[in-house]
C-alpha atoms as a PDB file:
ATOM      1  CA  MET A   1      -0.010   0.019   0.003  1.00  0.00           C
ATOM      2  CA  PHE A   2       2.868   2.345   0.696  1.00  0.00           C
ATOM      3  CA  SER A   3       4.055   2.294  -2.931  1.00  0.00           C
ATOM      4  CA  LEU A   4       0.537   3.023  -4.170  1.00  0.00           C
ATOM      5  CA  ALA A   5       0.207   5.911  -1.763  1.00  0.00           C
ATOM      6  CA  LYS A   6       3.591   7.272  -2.790  1.00  0.00           C
ATOM      7  CA  GLU A   7       2.881   6.984  -6.495  1.00  0.00           C
ATOM      8  CA  ALA A   8      -0.507   8.753  -6.071  1.00  0.00           C
ATOM      9  CA  GLY A   9       1.065  11.469  -3.874  1.00  0.00           C
ATOM     10  CA  LEU A  10      -1.152  10.511  -0.929  1.00  0.00           C
ATOM     11  CA  ALA A  11      -0.647   9.700   2.696  1.00  0.00           C
ATOM     12  CA  LYS A  12      -0.437   6.030   3.481  1.00  0.00           C
ATOM     13  CA  GLU A  13      -3.303   6.496   5.907  1.00  0.00           C
ATOM     14  CA  SER A  14      -5.568   7.650   3.033  1.00  0.00           C
ATOM     15  CA  VAL A  15      -4.976   4.466   1.089  1.00  0.00           C
ATOM     16  CA  THR A  16      -5.453   2.392   4.244  1.00  0.00           C
ATOM     17  CA  ARG A  17      -8.837   4.054   4.945  1.00  0.00           C
ATOM     18  CA  LEU A  18      -9.961   3.196   1.427  1.00  0.00           C
ATOM     19  CA  ALA A  19      -8.778  -0.371   1.705  1.00  0.00           C
ATOM     20  CA  ARG A  20     -10.807  -0.724   4.900  1.00  0.00           C
ATOM     21  CA  GLY A  21     -13.897   0.575   3.251  1.00  0.00           C
ATOM     22  CA  ARG A  22     -13.829   3.893   5.069  1.00  0.00           C
ATOM     23  CA  PRO A  23     -14.884   7.088   3.364  1.00  0.00           C
ATOM     24  CA  VAL A  24     -12.283   9.128   1.492  1.00  0.00           C
ATOM     25  CA  ARG A  25     -12.483  12.474  -0.321  1.00  0.00           C
ATOM     26  CA  ALA A  26     -13.344  12.427  -3.972  1.00  0.00           C
ATOM     27  CA  ALA A  27      -9.929  13.982  -4.833  1.00  0.00           C
ATOM     28  CA  THR A  28      -8.194  11.071  -3.057  1.00  0.00           C
ATOM     29  CA  ALA A  29     -10.270   8.563  -4.962  1.00  0.00           C
ATOM     30  CA  ARG A  30      -9.583  10.275  -8.280  1.00  0.00           C
ATOM     31  CA  LYS A  31      -5.795  10.238  -7.642  1.00  0.00           C
ATOM     32  CA  LEU A  32      -5.963   6.514  -6.992  1.00  0.00           C
ATOM     33  CA  CYS A  33      -7.950   5.906 -10.105  1.00  0.00           C
ATOM     34  CA  GLN A  34      -5.355   7.761 -12.164  1.00  0.00           C
ATOM     35  CA  VAL A  35      -2.591   5.620 -10.780  1.00  0.00           C
ATOM     36  CA  LEU A  36      -4.538   2.418 -11.217  1.00  0.00           C
ATOM     37  CA  LYS A  37      -5.712   3.491 -14.740  1.00  0.00           C
ATOM     38  CA  VAL A  38      -9.358   2.833 -14.050  1.00  0.00           C
ATOM     39  CA  GLU A  39     -12.427   5.066 -14.412  1.00  0.00           C
ATOM     40  CA  PHE A  40     -13.734   6.666 -11.251  1.00  0.00           C
ATOM     41  CA  ASP A  41     -17.272   5.337 -11.925  1.00  0.00           C
ATOM     42  CA  GLU A  42     -15.916   1.752 -12.159  1.00  0.00           C
ATOM     43  CA  MET A  43     -14.554   1.845  -8.610  1.00  0.00           C
ATOM     44  CA  PHE A  44     -16.506   4.440  -6.606  1.00  0.00           C
ATOM     45  CA  GLU A  45     -19.940   5.897  -6.055  1.00  0.00           C
ATOM     46  CA  PHE A  46     -20.854   9.145  -4.392  1.00  0.00           C
ATOM     47  CA  VAL A  47     -22.795   8.778  -1.144  1.00  0.00           C
ATOM     48  CA  GLU A  48     -24.163  11.870   0.571  1.00  0.00           C
ATOM     49  CA  ASP A  49     -23.123  12.337   4.163  1.00  0.00           C
ATOM     50  CA  ALA A  50     -25.420  13.302   7.016  1.00  0.00           C
ATOM     51  CA  ASN A  51     -25.079  16.979   6.090  1.00  0.00           C
ATOM     52  CA  GLY A  52     -26.549  16.364   2.617  1.00  0.00           C
END
């Protein structure tokens, strides 16, 4: 996971959150998609939080 985080320019904790199914920011998800060469819509979906 560390190499993926490094390549995406993200903190290791951000990638760990995602791997554990925890929420991440859209910008984080987009960076990972770019590195993995997959479309955002293939890996993620937007879910509104409690604030709408």
